[in-house]
Protein backbone atom coordinates (compact mmCIF):
# COMPACT_ATOMS: atom_id res chain seq x y z
CA MET A 1 0.00 0.00 0.00
CA ALA A 2 1.09 3.53 -0.63
CA GLU A 3 1.93 5.69 2.34
CA PRO A 4 0.06 8.97 2.78
CA LYS A 5 1.88 12.00 1.37
CA GLY A 6 1.22 14.20 4.35
CA THR A 7 -0.45 14.14 7.71
CA LYS A 8 -2.99 16.51 9.07
CA THR A 9 -2.77 17.89 12.55
CA ILE A 10 -5.65 19.42 14.39
CA THR A 11 -4.95 22.03 17.01
CA LEU A 12 -7.57 22.56 19.65
CA GLY A 13 -8.20 25.79 21.48
CA PRO A 14 -7.63 26.19 25.20
CA GLU A 15 -9.54 23.71 27.32
CA GLN A 16 -12.59 24.92 29.12
CA GLU A 17 -12.25 24.58 32.86
CA GLN A 18 -15.89 25.43 33.51
CA PRO A 19 -18.18 22.42 33.68
CA SER A 20 -21.06 22.67 31.29
CA PRO A 21 -24.47 23.07 32.92
CA GLU A 22 -26.22 19.78 33.46
CA SER A 23 -28.91 19.30 30.88
CA PHE A 24 -31.71 16.83 31.40
CA GLY A 25 -32.24 15.01 28.15
CA GLN A 26 -33.55 11.64 27.24
CA ARG A 27 -31.20 9.80 29.57
CA LYS A 28 -31.83 11.66 32.82
CA ARG A 29 -34.94 13.51 33.90
CA PRO A 30 -35.55 15.22 37.19
CA GLU A 31 -38.04 13.40 39.39
CA ILE A 32 -39.94 15.98 41.37
CA GLY A 33 -43.16 14.18 42.25
CA GLN A 34 -44.05 11.15 44.28
CA PHE A 35 -46.41 9.72 41.67
CA ARG A 36 -45.01 8.58 38.34
CA LEU A 37 -47.08 7.89 35.23
CA GLN A 38 -45.85 4.83 33.36
CA VAL A 39 -47.00 3.82 29.89
CA ASP A 40 -45.98 0.32 28.79
CA ARG A 41 -43.42 0.21 31.63
CA GLN A 42 -41.79 3.49 30.60
CA THR A 43 -41.96 6.45 32.96
CA LYS A 44 -43.42 9.41 31.11
CA ALA A 45 -44.09 12.04 33.79
CA SER A 46 -43.94 12.75 37.50
CA TYR A 47 -46.74 14.34 39.54
CA THR A 48 -47.04 15.60 43.09
CA THR A 49 -50.62 14.30 43.56
CA ARG A 50 -52.23 10.99 42.72
CA GLU A 51 -55.28 12.74 41.22
CA ALA A 52 -53.17 14.61 38.66
CA ALA A 53 -51.36 11.42 37.66
CA GLU A 54 -54.63 9.49 37.35
CA ALA A 55 -56.22 12.25 35.25
CA ALA A 56 -53.27 12.26 32.84
CA GLY A 57 -53.25 8.45 32.73
CA LEU A 58 -56.98 8.30 32.02
CA ALA A 59 -56.60 10.76 29.14
CA ILE A 60 -53.89 8.54 27.61
CA LYS A 61 -55.94 5.38 28.20
CA LYS A 62 -59.02 6.90 26.51
CA THR A 63 -56.97 7.84 23.46
CA TYR A 64 -55.00 4.57 23.31
CA PRO A 65 -57.00 1.87 25.14
CA ILE A 66 -54.60 -0.96 24.29
CA LEU A 67 -51.67 0.59 26.19
CA GLN A 68 -50.83 -0.43 29.73
CA VAL A 69 -51.06 2.73 31.87
CA VAL A 70 -50.00 2.62 35.53
CA VAL A 71 -49.56 5.17 38.32
CA HIS A 72 -46.57 4.26 40.51
CA ASP A 73 -46.34 5.62 44.06
CA ALA A 74 -42.61 6.01 44.74
CA ALA A 75 -43.01 6.45 48.50
CA GLU A 76 -45.09 3.31 49.08
CA GLY A 77 -43.86 1.29 46.09
CA VAL A 78 -47.40 0.58 44.86
CA HIS A 79 -48.54 0.30 41.23
CA GLN A 80 -52.14 1.20 40.37
CA PRO A 81 -53.30 0.29 36.83
CA ILE A 82 -55.57 2.76 35.03
CA GLU A 83 -58.69 1.16 33.57
CA LEU A 84 -61.38 2.68 31.39
CA PRO A 85 -64.68 3.25 33.18
CA SER A 86 -67.45 0.85 32.19
CA ALA A 87 -70.12 2.37 29.97
């Protein structure tokens, strides 16, 4: 094989000593509430009251009835499935 004619060098600027601010993306989200809304075993949101979590879960369940929607109480470790009301 032929050897490369030249090499490229990349010079970087001075290193930043300041840590970048922590951004919450897909990997890490802040958990502020005790009640977590889970859809198909994936945590989607966190709420401070059970009623708010159940209302959001019921809205999702009405739109997509085949999904498994659960409210998880982090303090007690209890899962409560959301079911559609009988007509």
